[in-house]
């Protein structure tokens, strides 16, 4: 469940130092495991290439939210993308989704903010409470939004965002059921080879293929996601309660666990709990039972027990939480990474999707500044500029979000008391950090 805490605390390490982009280029086609030309447009060069290949300005491997956002943004600046997605169609996703202010600004640039905001619920007041109900931190997010002219935080059902993004993608830009097995880097282009042996060629290739990215593996070798040591379990329920009104977003902190509740619009509540479960249960795929959750949280404040009791077992879902160690480099030559492939984070800051949306907008605007794609050095410099703009911020988000998760795992009563004192102390810098986020232009 999302939580917002300051990004500038000295307690946490600074982002890794930037490294220069490698200048080498691989002209060998390498295998690319499936996920978990010259001139302004390569389309103009199609006649000089194999008739078995499709052509685009930018090839996007992965049709997740980062990939779709990038495709929309690229079309807006006059470039042609092709999105290659291994799934046969857009999958259904569960849960709620927190959009932070940078995500709101990115959606506004894509032309989707108003539509999505109308389907969800704003975040007016954010609170951290202990499991007895005492307030540890309070932030008037709605007041901060109005102070800085809009683009506030809001919640929506998770399924609404990919649906809206897909609706805004130009027809034919997404190719479902397209499993990329290899990528080939040539002097003036990049080609993605598909399972059936065909290829899609572009001047730039973006890896938007998630936390287990095959494009990342091609660029940098095997980089395994790391476990956060807990699971997230929750649901969306058609349920309303006077202590969970629209605009109010509390997260309750207990011994070794946290639980948050958010109104996500139209009479729906989203709740999620961070649970530390036994390795045996995780290995056996045994899901918690709702009745056990009700018993576990029976002494916590209203409306937790009531919301849990209203949750059908078949609406209950969960997953082990993982992230990536912040990468020192995202790309090489004409290739780079976006979204979770570059900076997968735990959900504790509620910013993963917003960072992915911003990636898509930033990279499209930078590519649009190029006079053409003929010069590999210029293309690489544009991708490096994108990385320079995005890597430090996303590394900070990843590191702080993981630290919050570690704090949430504490079970010792004395440690939990100290944690509560710490959260109260950091309220002023937390609010200051939020103000900076809202003030910053996309």
Protein backbone atom coordinates (compact mmCIF):
# COMPACT_ATOMS: atom_id res chain seq x y z
CA UNK A 1 0.00 0.00 0.00
CA UNK A 2 1.32 3.38 -0.90
CA UNK A 3 2.92 5.60 1.67
CA UNK A 4 4.49 9.01 1.22
CA UNK A 5 7.66 9.94 3.08
CA UNK A 6 10.39 12.50 2.38
CA UNK A 7 12.96 11.90 -0.33
CA UNK A 8 15.60 14.13 1.18
CA UNK A 9 16.26 12.57 4.57
CA UNK A 10 19.97 12.19 5.35
CA UNK A 11 19.17 8.82 6.92
CA UNK A 12 19.07 7.30 3.48
CA UNK A 13 21.83 6.95 0.92
CA UNK A 14 22.15 9.18 -2.11
CA UNK A 15 21.54 7.75 -5.56
CA UNK A 16 24.41 5.95 -7.22
CA UNK A 17 26.87 8.08 -9.18
CA UNK A 18 26.19 8.21 -12.90
CA UNK A 19 28.45 6.26 -15.19
CA UNK A 20 29.12 7.20 -18.81
CA UNK A 21 27.18 5.25 -21.39
CA UNK A 22 29.24 2.48 -22.97
CA UNK A 23 30.17 3.24 -26.57
CA UNK A 24 30.46 -0.32 -27.77
CA UNK A 25 27.77 -1.77 -30.02
CA UNK A 26 26.84 -5.41 -30.39
CA UNK A 27 26.02 -6.54 -33.91
CA UNK A 28 25.38 -10.11 -32.81
CA UNK A 29 21.81 -11.26 -32.31
CA UNK A 30 21.47 -12.42 -28.72
CA UNK A 31 18.65 -14.52 -27.27
CA UNK A 32 16.10 -12.45 -25.39
CA UNK A 33 14.03 -14.27 -22.81
CA UNK A 34 10.34 -13.43 -22.67
CA UNK A 35 9.24 -11.23 -19.74
CA UNK A 36 7.87 -12.64 -16.16
CA UNK A 37 17.64 3.64 -40.14
CA UNK A 38 18.94 6.46 -41.09
CA UNK A 39 16.72 9.48 -41.61
CA UNK A 40 13.90 10.91 -39.54
CA UNK A 41 11.79 7.80 -39.96
CA UNK A 42 12.97 4.27 -40.61
CA UNK A 43 9.67 3.76 -42.41
CA UNK A 44 11.17 5.84 -45.24
CA UNK A 45 13.98 3.33 -45.52
CA UNK A 46 11.70 0.30 -45.70
CA UNK A 47 12.33 -0.39 -49.37
CA UNK A 48 16.03 -0.90 -48.73
CA UNK A 49 15.43 -3.56 -46.06
CA UNK A 50 14.06 -7.05 -45.88
CA UNK A 51 10.39 -7.29 -46.84
CA UNK A 52 9.95 -9.67 -43.88
CA UNK A 53 10.49 -6.89 -41.38
CA UNK A 54 8.11 -4.24 -40.09
CA UNK A 55 9.46 -0.75 -39.46
CA UNK A 56 8.94 2.01 -36.91
CA UNK A 57 10.80 4.97 -35.50
CA UNK A 58 10.74 3.40 -32.02
CA UNK A 59 10.28 -0.27 -31.19
CA UNK A 60 8.84 -0.81 -27.70
CA UNK A 61 9.25 -4.25 -26.19
CA UNK A 62 6.40 -4.62 -23.70
CA UNK A 63 2.82 -3.37 -23.68
CA UNK A 64 2.56 -2.58 -19.98
CA UNK A 65 1.70 0.89 -18.69
CA UNK A 66 5.20 2.25 -19.35
CA UNK A 67 5.19 0.91 -22.91
CA UNK A 68 1.70 2.20 -23.72
CA UNK A 69 2.43 5.64 -22.23
CA UNK A 70 5.61 5.88 -24.32
CA UNK A 71 3.69 4.89 -27.47
CA UNK A 72 1.06 7.61 -26.92
CA UNK A 73 3.73 10.21 -26.16
CA UNK A 74 5.74 9.30 -29.27
CA UNK A 75 2.68 9.69 -31.50
CA UNK A 76 2.01 13.10 -29.95
CA UNK A 77 5.45 14.31 -31.06
CA UNK A 78 5.08 12.88 -34.57
CA UNK A 79 7.01 9.62 -34.27
CA UNK A 80 5.82 6.13 -35.14
CA UNK A 81 6.07 3.43 -32.44
CA UNK A 82 5.38 -0.28 -32.62
CA UNK A 83 4.68 -2.02 -29.30
CA UNK A 84 5.46 -5.74 -29.12
CA UNK A 85 3.56 -7.47 -26.32
CA UNK A 86 3.79 -11.20 -25.69
CA UNK A 87 0.32 -11.47 -24.09
CA UNK A 88 -2.52 -12.27 -26.54
CA UNK A 89 -4.60 -9.37 -25.21
CA UNK A 90 -4.55 -6.85 -22.40
CA UNK A 91 -4.71 -8.83 -19.15
CA UNK A 92 -7.08 -7.99 -16.30
CA UNK A 93 -5.34 -6.52 -13.27
CA UNK A 94 -6.59 -6.27 -9.69
CA UNK A 95 -6.31 -3.69 -6.96
CA UNK A 96 -6.16 0.06 -6.68
CA UNK A 97 -3.61 2.48 -8.06
CA UNK A 98 -2.19 5.61 -6.49
CA UNK A 99 -1.25 8.39 -8.93
CA UNK A 100 1.17 10.95 -7.49
CA UNK A 101 1.49 14.49 -8.84
CA UNK A 102 4.16 13.69 -11.46
CA UNK A 103 1.91 10.93 -12.77
CA UNK A 104 -1.00 13.38 -12.91
CA UNK A 105 1.14 15.81 -14.92
CA UNK A 106 2.21 13.05 -17.30
CA UNK A 107 -1.41 11.95 -17.78
CA UNK A 108 -2.39 15.56 -18.45
CA UNK A 109 0.32 15.78 -21.14
CA UNK A 110 -1.03 12.54 -22.64
CA UNK A 111 -4.59 13.92 -22.57
CA UNK A 112 -5.92 11.41 -20.02
CA UNK A 113 -5.82 13.06 -16.61
CA UNK A 114 -9.39 14.39 -16.60
CA UNK A 115 -10.90 11.10 -17.75
CA UNK A 116 -9.09 9.03 -15.14
CA UNK A 117 -9.53 11.51 -12.30
CA UNK A 118 -13.30 11.45 -12.89
CA UNK A 119 -13.30 7.67 -12.42
CA UNK A 120 -11.42 7.71 -9.12
CA UNK A 121 -11.12 9.62 -5.88
CA UNK A 122 -8.73 12.43 -4.89
CA UNK A 123 -6.27 12.24 -2.02
CA UNK A 124 -7.14 15.17 0.26
CA UNK A 125 -5.72 13.97 3.57
CA UNK A 126 -2.99 11.40 4.08
CA UNK A 127 -2.40 9.93 7.54
CA UNK A 128 -0.16 7.40 9.19
CA UNK A 129 -1.67 5.89 12.34
CA UNK A 130 -0.55 3.21 14.73
CA UNK A 131 -2.67 0.09 15.12
CA UNK A 132 -4.54 1.68 18.03
CA UNK A 133 -5.57 4.68 15.91
CA UNK A 134 -3.17 7.37 17.17
CA UNK A 135 -2.09 9.75 14.40
CA UNK A 136 1.65 9.61 13.66
CA UNK A 137 1.67 11.81 10.56
CA UNK A 138 -0.88 13.95 8.75
CA UNK A 139 -0.47 15.75 5.42
CA UNK A 140 -3.12 17.93 3.76
CA UNK A 141 -2.33 16.84 0.22
CA UNK A 142 -5.37 18.60 -1.24
CA UNK A 143 -4.23 21.91 0.23
CA UNK A 144 -0.76 21.42 -1.28
CA UNK A 145 -2.36 20.67 -4.66
CA UNK A 146 -4.44 23.84 -4.63
CA UNK A 147 -1.42 25.90 -3.56
CA UNK A 148 0.52 24.76 -6.62
CA UNK A 149 -2.25 24.89 -9.19
CA UNK A 150 -3.61 21.36 -9.52
CA UNK A 151 -2.44 17.95 -10.71
CA UNK A 152 -3.11 16.39 -7.33
CA UNK A 153 -2.79 12.81 -6.17
CA UNK A 154 -5.70 10.44 -6.68
CA UNK A 155 -6.69 6.77 -6.53
CA UNK A 156 -8.31 4.71 -9.28
CA UNK A 157 -9.00 1.02 -9.81
CA UNK A 158 -5.81 -0.39 -11.29
CA UNK A 159 -7.67 -1.78 -14.30
CA UNK A 160 -8.73 1.72 -15.40
CA UNK A 161 -5.25 2.99 -16.29
CA UNK A 162 -4.15 0.34 -18.81
CA UNK A 163 -7.64 0.44 -20.32
CA UNK A 164 -7.43 4.23 -20.79
CA UNK A 165 -3.89 4.06 -22.16
CA UNK A 166 -4.85 1.37 -24.66
CA UNK A 167 -7.84 3.45 -25.75
CA UNK A 168 -5.50 6.36 -26.52
CA UNK A 169 -2.97 4.31 -28.49
CA UNK A 170 -3.17 4.65 -32.27
CA UNK A 171 -4.85 1.62 -33.81
CA UNK A 172 -2.31 -0.94 -34.98
CA UNK A 173 0.56 0.34 -32.83
CA UNK A 174 0.26 -2.58 -30.37
CA UNK A 175 0.94 -6.08 -31.65
CA UNK A 176 -0.44 -8.60 -29.19
CA UNK A 177 0.96 -12.11 -29.03
CA UNK A 178 4.39 -10.89 -30.18
CA UNK A 179 7.09 -12.62 -28.16
CA UNK A 180 10.52 -11.06 -28.67
CA UNK A 181 13.26 -13.68 -28.63
CA UNK A 182 16.28 -11.56 -29.57
CA UNK A 183 17.42 -8.05 -30.37
CA UNK A 184 20.05 -7.07 -32.93
CA UNK A 185 21.93 -3.77 -32.91
CA UNK A 186 23.24 -2.55 -36.28
CA UNK A 187 25.04 0.64 -37.29
CA UNK A 188 21.88 2.67 -37.86
CA UNK A 189 19.01 0.62 -36.41
CA UNK A 190 17.83 -1.92 -33.86
CA UNK A 191 15.79 -5.01 -34.71
CA UNK A 192 13.59 -7.12 -32.43
CA UNK A 193 13.25 -10.71 -33.61
CA UNK A 194 9.97 -12.45 -32.85
CA UNK A 195 9.21 -16.06 -32.04
CA UNK A 196 8.04 -16.74 -35.60
CA UNK A 197 11.35 -15.49 -37.04
CA UNK A 198 10.04 -12.17 -38.31
CA UNK A 199 11.55 -8.88 -37.22
CA UNK A 200 10.57 -5.33 -36.33
CA UNK A 201 13.19 -2.67 -37.00
CA UNK A 202 13.46 0.83 -35.60
CA UNK A 203 15.91 3.62 -34.96
CA UNK A 204 15.43 3.28 -31.20
CA UNK A 205 14.38 0.36 -29.00
CA UNK A 206 12.82 0.76 -25.56
CA UNK A 207 12.71 -2.10 -23.08
CA UNK A 208 9.37 -1.79 -21.31
CA UNK A 209 9.19 -5.48 -20.45
CA UNK A 210 8.93 -5.28 -16.69
CA UNK A 211 10.95 -6.29 -13.68
CA UNK A 212 12.22 -9.47 -15.39
CA UNK A 213 13.21 -7.56 -18.54
CA UNK A 214 14.83 -9.51 -21.34
CA UNK A 215 16.04 -6.28 -22.93
CA UNK A 216 17.85 -5.44 -19.69
CA UNK A 217 19.40 -8.90 -19.72
CA UNK A 218 20.63 -8.33 -23.27
CA UNK A 219 22.22 -5.02 -22.29
CA UNK A 220 23.72 -5.85 -18.91
CA UNK A 221 23.48 -9.56 -18.25
CA UNK A 222 21.42 -11.23 -15.54
CA UNK A 223 20.18 -8.83 -12.86
CA UNK A 224 17.77 -10.62 -10.55
CA UNK A 225 15.01 -8.79 -8.68
CA UNK A 226 15.41 -8.81 -4.89
CA UNK A 227 12.74 -9.83 -2.42
CA UNK A 228 11.46 -7.23 0.06
CA UNK A 229 10.69 -9.97 2.58
CA UNK A 230 6.91 -9.57 2.66
CA UNK A 231 3.81 -9.93 0.53
CA UNK A 232 1.03 -7.52 -0.36
CA UNK A 233 -2.52 -8.88 -0.03
CA UNK A 234 -5.67 -6.90 -0.67
CA UNK A 235 -8.84 -6.35 -2.67
CA UNK A 236 -11.24 -3.87 -4.20
CA UNK A 237 -14.69 -4.10 -2.60
CA UNK A 238 -18.01 -2.41 -3.27
CA UNK A 239 -18.33 -1.02 0.22
CA UNK A 240 -18.61 2.36 1.86
CA UNK A 241 -18.03 3.38 5.46
CA UNK A 242 -18.21 6.80 7.14
CA UNK A 243 -14.67 6.34 8.45
CA UNK A 244 -13.33 5.72 4.92
CA UNK A 245 -14.75 8.70 3.00
CA UNK A 246 -13.52 9.90 -0.40
CA UNK A 247 -10.32 11.89 -0.08
CA UNK A 248 -9.15 10.28 3.16
CA UNK A 249 -6.20 7.90 2.95
CA UNK A 250 -4.95 6.29 6.19
CA UNK A 251 -2.22 3.68 6.58
CA UNK A 252 -2.14 1.83 9.90
CA UNK A 253 1.18 0.56 11.28
CA UNK A 254 1.32 -2.48 13.56
CA UNK A 255 3.91 -4.98 14.70
CA UNK A 256 5.34 -6.50 11.56
CA UNK A 257 2.46 -5.47 9.34
CA UNK A 258 0.71 -2.45 7.82
CA UNK A 259 -2.72 -1.96 6.31
CA UNK A 260 -4.00 0.92 4.19
CA UNK A 261 -7.48 1.82 2.96
CA UNK A 262 -8.37 4.19 0.12
CA UNK A 263 -11.61 5.22 -1.51
CA UNK A 264 -11.14 4.74 -5.26
CA UNK A 265 -14.41 6.22 -6.50
CA UNK A 266 -18.00 5.17 -7.19
CA UNK A 267 -18.57 3.41 -3.87
CA UNK A 268 -15.44 1.25 -3.99
CA UNK A 269 -12.73 0.80 -1.38
CA UNK A 270 -9.26 -0.56 -1.98
CA UNK A 271 -7.36 -2.08 0.90
CA UNK A 272 -3.96 -3.72 1.04
CA UNK A 273 -1.94 -5.30 3.84
CA UNK A 274 1.79 -6.02 4.00
CA UNK A 275 2.13 -9.50 5.49
CA UNK A 276 5.16 -11.51 6.56
CA UNK A 277 4.23 -15.12 5.94
CA UNK A 278 6.11 -18.35 6.43
CA UNK A 279 8.39 -19.62 3.66
CA UNK A 280 6.30 -22.81 3.61
CA UNK A 281 3.07 -20.93 2.88
CA UNK A 282 4.78 -18.89 0.17
CA UNK A 283 6.37 -21.95 -1.42
CA UNK A 284 3.08 -23.87 -1.38
CA UNK A 285 1.15 -20.96 -2.82
CA UNK A 286 -1.27 -20.99 0.10
CA UNK A 287 -3.34 -17.81 0.22
CA UNK A 288 -4.44 -16.26 3.51
CA UNK A 289 -8.13 -16.70 4.30
CA UNK A 290 -10.34 -13.66 4.79
CA UNK A 291 -11.61 -15.01 8.11
CA UNK A 292 -8.03 -15.28 9.33
CA UNK A 293 -7.37 -11.69 8.23
CA UNK A 294 -10.47 -10.50 10.10
CA UNK A 295 -9.20 -12.27 13.22
CA UNK A 296 -5.67 -10.86 12.81
CA UNK A 297 -6.94 -7.27 12.57
CA UNK A 298 -9.96 -7.55 14.88
CA UNK A 299 -8.58 -5.07 17.43
CA UNK A 300 -7.48 -2.47 14.88
CA UNK A 301 -9.54 0.73 14.36
CA UNK A 302 -12.70 0.98 12.33
CA UNK A 303 -13.37 0.37 9.50
CA UNK A 304 -10.64 -2.26 9.04
CA UNK A 305 -12.53 -5.27 10.35
CA UNK A 306 -15.69 -4.20 8.53
CA UNK A 307 -13.90 -3.76 5.20
CA UNK A 308 -12.14 -7.11 5.52
CA UNK A 309 -15.39 -8.87 6.42
CA UNK A 310 -17.02 -7.40 3.29
CA UNK A 311 -14.30 -8.86 1.04
CA UNK A 312 -15.23 -11.99 -0.94
CA UNK A 313 -12.50 -14.62 -0.88
CA UNK A 314 -12.39 -14.68 -4.68
CA UNK A 315 -11.69 -10.93 -4.77
CA UNK A 316 -8.67 -11.36 -2.53
CA UNK A 317 -5.27 -11.38 -4.26
CA UNK A 318 -1.62 -11.05 -3.36
CA UNK A 319 1.97 -11.22 -4.50
CA UNK A 320 5.48 -11.32 -3.13
CA UNK A 321 6.97 -7.84 -3.23
CA UNK A 322 10.22 -7.37 -5.15
CA UNK A 323 12.28 -4.50 -6.54
CA UNK A 324 15.54 -3.86 -8.37
CA UNK A 325 18.76 -2.55 -6.92
CA UNK A 326 19.05 0.90 -8.58
CA UNK A 327 20.95 0.48 -11.82
CA UNK A 328 24.02 2.56 -12.61
CA UNK A 329 23.15 2.58 -16.30
CA UNK A 330 19.92 2.09 -18.26
CA UNK A 331 20.96 1.96 -21.88
CA UNK A 332 23.55 1.69 -24.60
CA UNK A 333 23.63 3.12 -28.09
CA UNK A 334 20.11 3.12 -29.53
CA UNK A 335 18.55 1.12 -26.69
CA UNK A 336 17.35 2.02 -23.21
CA UNK A 337 14.88 0.93 -20.52
CA UNK A 338 11.65 2.45 -19.20
CA UNK A 339 9.35 1.70 -16.28
CA UNK A 340 9.90 -1.38 -14.14
CA UNK A 341 12.56 -2.69 -16.52
CA UNK A 342 14.71 0.26 -15.40
CA UNK A 343 13.57 1.01 -11.84
CA UNK A 344 11.10 -1.48 -10.36
CA UNK A 345 10.22 -0.36 -6.83
CA UNK A 346 8.20 -1.60 -3.89
CA UNK A 347 4.72 -0.02 -3.53
CA UNK A 348 5.36 1.81 -0.26
CA UNK A 349 5.60 5.28 -1.81
CA UNK A 350 2.80 4.70 -4.30
CA UNK A 351 4.94 6.11 -7.10
CA UNK A 352 5.94 3.22 -9.35
CA UNK A 353 3.33 3.83 -12.05
CA UNK A 354 3.74 7.62 -11.90
CA UNK A 355 7.48 7.25 -12.53
CA UNK A 356 6.78 4.97 -15.50
CA UNK A 357 4.33 7.48 -17.00
CA UNK A 358 6.87 10.27 -16.63
CA UNK A 359 9.51 8.10 -18.35
CA UNK A 360 7.33 7.84 -21.45
CA UNK A 361 6.72 11.57 -21.72
CA UNK A 362 10.33 12.58 -21.08
CA UNK A 363 11.84 10.19 -23.60
CA UNK A 364 9.36 11.16 -26.33
CA UNK A 365 10.05 14.88 -25.91
CA UNK A 366 13.81 14.34 -26.07
CA UNK A 367 13.63 12.16 -29.18
CA UNK A 368 11.42 14.78 -30.83
CA UNK A 369 14.26 17.31 -30.53
CA UNK A 370 16.52 15.29 -32.86
CA UNK A 371 16.69 16.51 -36.46
CA UNK A 372 16.80 12.87 -37.58
CA UNK A 373 17.93 9.45 -36.37
CA UNK A 374 20.88 9.03 -38.74
CA UNK A 375 23.59 9.87 -36.22
CA UNK A 376 23.93 7.13 -33.61
CA UNK A 377 25.90 9.50 -31.39
CA UNK A 378 23.04 12.00 -31.31
CA UNK A 379 20.49 9.27 -30.62
CA UNK A 380 22.63 7.88 -27.81
CA UNK A 381 23.06 11.38 -26.37
CA UNK A 382 19.28 11.92 -26.32
CA UNK A 383 18.78 8.60 -24.52
CA UNK A 384 21.56 9.52 -22.10
CA UNK A 385 19.81 12.83 -21.41
CA UNK A 386 16.62 10.94 -20.62
CA UNK A 387 18.55 8.70 -18.24
CA UNK A 388 20.24 11.68 -16.59
CA UNK A 389 16.86 13.32 -15.98
CA UNK A 390 15.19 10.23 -14.58
CA UNK A 391 17.70 7.91 -12.92
CA UNK A 392 18.51 9.91 -9.77
CA UNK A 393 14.85 10.51 -8.90
CA UNK A 394 13.79 6.93 -9.48
CA UNK A 395 16.76 5.60 -7.51
CA UNK A 396 15.72 7.79 -4.57
CA UNK A 397 12.15 6.50 -4.81
CA UNK A 398 13.32 2.89 -4.90
CA UNK A 399 15.68 3.28 -1.95
CA UNK A 400 13.25 5.17 0.27
CA UNK A 401 10.36 2.88 -0.55
CA UNK A 402 12.47 -0.12 0.46
CA UNK A 403 13.44 1.60 3.72
CA UNK A 404 9.77 2.17 4.53
CA UNK A 405 9.10 -1.51 3.95
CA UNK A 406 11.92 -2.43 6.32
CA UNK A 407 10.47 -0.14 9.01
CA UNK A 408 7.12 -1.82 8.54
CA UNK A 409 8.61 -5.23 9.26
CA UNK A 410 9.65 -4.30 12.80
CA UNK A 411 7.90 -6.43 15.44
CA UNK A 412 9.72 -5.59 18.67
CA UNK A 413 7.43 -3.37 20.82
CA UNK A 414 10.24 -0.97 21.76
CA UNK A 415 11.34 -0.69 18.16
CA UNK A 416 7.75 0.01 17.08
CA UNK A 417 7.47 2.76 19.70
CA UNK A 418 10.69 4.32 18.41
CA UNK A 419 9.37 4.06 14.87
CA UNK A 420 6.26 6.00 15.86
CA UNK A 421 8.40 8.77 17.37
CA UNK A 422 10.51 8.90 14.21
CA UNK A 423 7.46 9.20 11.94
CA UNK A 424 6.12 12.10 14.03
CA UNK A 425 9.49 13.87 13.85
CA UNK A 426 9.70 13.64 10.05
CA UNK A 427 6.26 15.17 9.43
CA UNK A 428 7.63 18.67 8.57
CA UNK A 429 10.23 17.45 6.05
CA UNK A 430 7.65 15.08 4.60
CA UNK A 431 5.27 17.94 3.87
CA UNK A 432 8.17 20.02 2.52
CA UNK A 433 9.10 17.19 0.16
CA UNK A 434 5.51 16.96 -1.06
CA UNK A 435 5.47 20.68 -1.80
CA UNK A 436 8.61 20.29 -3.92
CA UNK A 437 7.00 17.45 -5.85
CA UNK A 438 3.90 19.50 -6.62
CA UNK A 439 5.92 22.60 -7.53
CA UNK A 440 8.19 20.76 -9.97
CA UNK A 441 7.26 20.91 -13.65
CA UNK A 442 7.17 17.74 -15.70
